[in-house]
Amino acid sequence: MSEELPVSNTPLAQWLNRTMAEWIDPKTGRIGLSVNKLAKLSGVSQTSLFVMLKEGSIPKADTLVKLAEFFDV
């Protein structure tokens, strides 16, 4: 079993991690969203999501727009 890396302490990484955990699938009612599923649904690559969450990198504007549109913020 691989060890999970902690989430970066940047405000964006903390918000994204919390928002993914609280997301409710409108079709199934299930709570939570994986990086893989968020990548597929939002159009943001898994790599971009990983570096935001784990390394605290600042994403490009188009990435932020995709996430904002997906999460309706």
C-alpha atoms as a PDB file:
ATOM      1  CA  MET A   1       0.000   0.000   0.000  1.00  0.00           C
ATOM      2  CA  SER A   2       1.400   3.409  -0.924  1.00  0.00           C
ATOM      3  CA  GLU A   3       1.657   6.176   1.622  1.00  0.00           C
ATOM      4  CA  GLU A   4      -0.523   9.184   0.881  1.00  0.00           C
ATOM      5  CA  LEU A   5       1.226  12.542   0.767  1.00  0.00           C
ATOM      6  CA  PRO A   6      -0.197  15.289   2.964  1.00  0.00           C
ATOM      7  CA  VAL A   7      -2.082  18.173   1.407  1.00  0.00           C
ATOM      8  CA  SER A   8      -0.124  21.408   1.093  1.00  0.00           C
ATOM      9  CA  ASN A   9      -0.972  24.111   3.618  1.00  0.00           C
ATOM     10  CA  THR A  10      -1.684  26.775   0.983  1.00  0.00           C
ATOM     11  CA  PRO A  11      -5.193  28.253   1.103  1.00  0.00           C
ATOM     12  CA  LEU A  12      -5.988  26.992  -2.402  1.00  0.00           C
ATOM     13  CA  ALA A  13      -4.880  23.422  -1.645  1.00  0.00           C
ATOM     14  CA  GLN A  14      -6.813  23.390   1.624  1.00  0.00           C
ATOM     15  CA  TRP A  15      -9.950  24.767  -0.073  1.00  0.00           C
ATOM     16  CA  LEU A  16      -9.701  22.294  -2.966  1.00  0.00           C
ATOM     17  CA  ASN A  17      -9.179  19.343  -0.642  1.00  0.00           C
ATOM     18  CA  ARG A  18     -12.140  20.346   1.536  1.00  0.00           C
ATOM     19  CA  THR A  19     -14.377  21.066  -1.470  1.00  0.00           C
ATOM     20  CA  MET A  20     -13.547  17.716  -3.053  1.00  0.00           C
ATOM     21  CA  ALA A  21     -14.356  15.932   0.218  1.00  0.00           C
ATOM     22  CA  GLU A  22     -17.702  17.734   0.560  1.00  0.00           C
ATOM     23  CA  TRP A  23     -18.784  17.488  -3.097  1.00  0.00           C
ATOM     24  CA  ILE A  24     -21.992  15.544  -3.661  1.00  0.00           C
ATOM     25  CA  ASP A  25     -22.487  13.760  -6.973  1.00  0.00           C
ATOM     26  CA  PRO A  26     -25.775  15.077  -8.366  1.00  0.00           C
ATOM     27  CA  LYS A  27     -26.483  11.757 -10.103  1.00  0.00           C
ATOM     28  CA  THR A  28     -25.759   9.323  -7.263  1.00  0.00           C
ATOM     29  CA  GLY A  29     -25.808  11.420  -4.091  1.00  0.00           C
ATOM     30  CA  ARG A  30     -22.388  10.035  -3.124  1.00  0.00           C
ATOM     31  CA  ILE A  31     -20.130  12.323  -1.154  1.00  0.00           C
ATOM     32  CA  GLY A  32     -16.533  12.958  -2.134  1.00  0.00           C
ATOM     33  CA  LEU A  33     -14.600  13.426  -5.332  1.00  0.00           C
ATOM     34  CA  SER A  34     -11.316  11.789  -6.331  1.00  0.00           C
ATOM     35  CA  VAL A  35      -8.565  13.589  -8.214  1.00  0.00           C
ATOM     36  CA  ASN A  36      -9.164  11.219 -11.122  1.00  0.00           C
ATOM     37  CA  LYS A  37     -12.881  11.983 -11.311  1.00  0.00           C
ATOM     38  CA  LEU A  38     -12.344  15.734 -10.852  1.00  0.00           C
ATOM     39  CA  ALA A  39      -9.839  15.666 -13.720  1.00  0.00           C
ATOM     40  CA  LYS A  40     -12.329  13.898 -15.989  1.00  0.00           C
ATOM     41  CA  LEU A  41     -15.269  16.125 -15.085  1.00  0.00           C
ATOM     42  CA  SER A  42     -13.492  19.497 -14.994  1.00  0.00           C
ATOM     43  CA  GLY A  43     -10.986  19.144 -17.816  1.00  0.00           C
ATOM     44  CA  VAL A  44      -8.046  19.881 -15.488  1.00  0.00           C
ATOM     45  CA  SER A  45      -5.244  17.323 -15.726  1.00  0.00           C
ATOM     46  CA  GLN A  46      -4.527  14.973 -12.853  1.00  0.00           C
ATOM     47  CA  THR A  47      -0.975  16.293 -12.794  1.00  0.00           C
ATOM     48  CA  SER A  48      -2.153  19.887 -12.335  1.00  0.00           C
ATOM     49  CA  LEU A  49      -4.487  18.857  -9.543  1.00  0.00           C
ATOM     50  CA  PHE A  50      -1.741  16.846  -7.840  1.00  0.00           C
ATOM     51  CA  VAL A  51       0.762  19.695  -7.840  1.00  0.00           C
ATOM     52  CA  MET A  52      -1.871  22.114  -6.522  1.00  0.00           C
ATOM     53  CA  LEU A  53      -2.919  19.766  -3.725  1.00  0.00           C
ATOM     54  CA  LYS A  54       0.386  18.216  -2.710  1.00  0.00           C
ATOM     55  CA  GLU A  55       3.006  20.775  -3.694  1.00  0.00           C
ATOM     56  CA  GLY A  56       0.987  23.960  -3.283  1.00  0.00           C
ATOM     57  CA  SER A  57       1.716  25.302  -6.762  1.00  0.00           C
ATOM     58  CA  ILE A  58      -0.250  28.227  -8.149  1.00  0.00           C
ATOM     59  CA  PRO A  59      -2.242  27.118 -11.208  1.00  0.00           C
ATOM     60  CA  LYS A  60      -2.651  29.031 -14.453  1.00  0.00           C
ATOM     61  CA  ALA A  61      -5.712  31.236 -14.842  1.00  0.00           C
ATOM     62  CA  ASP A  62      -7.443  28.819 -17.238  1.00  0.00           C
ATOM     63  CA  THR A  63      -7.125  26.044 -14.656  1.00  0.00           C
ATOM     64  CA  LEU A  64      -8.708  28.235 -11.987  1.00  0.00           C
ATOM     65  CA  VAL A  65     -11.547  29.107 -14.374  1.00  0.00           C
ATOM     66  CA  LYS A  66     -12.223  25.406 -15.068  1.00  0.00           C
ATOM     67  CA  LEU A  67     -12.321  24.631 -11.349  1.00  0.00           C
ATOM     68  CA  ALA A  68     -14.515  27.648 -10.586  1.00  0.00           C
ATOM     69  CA  GLU A  69     -16.947  26.640 -13.317  1.00  0.00           C
ATOM     70  CA  PHE A  70     -17.033  23.028 -12.169  1.00  0.00           C
ATOM     71  CA  PHE A  71     -17.631  23.926  -8.505  1.00  0.00           C
ATOM     72  CA  ASP A  72     -19.935  26.815  -9.492  1.00  0.00           C
ATOM     73  CA  VAL A  73     -18.010  29.469  -7.550  1.00  0.00           C
END
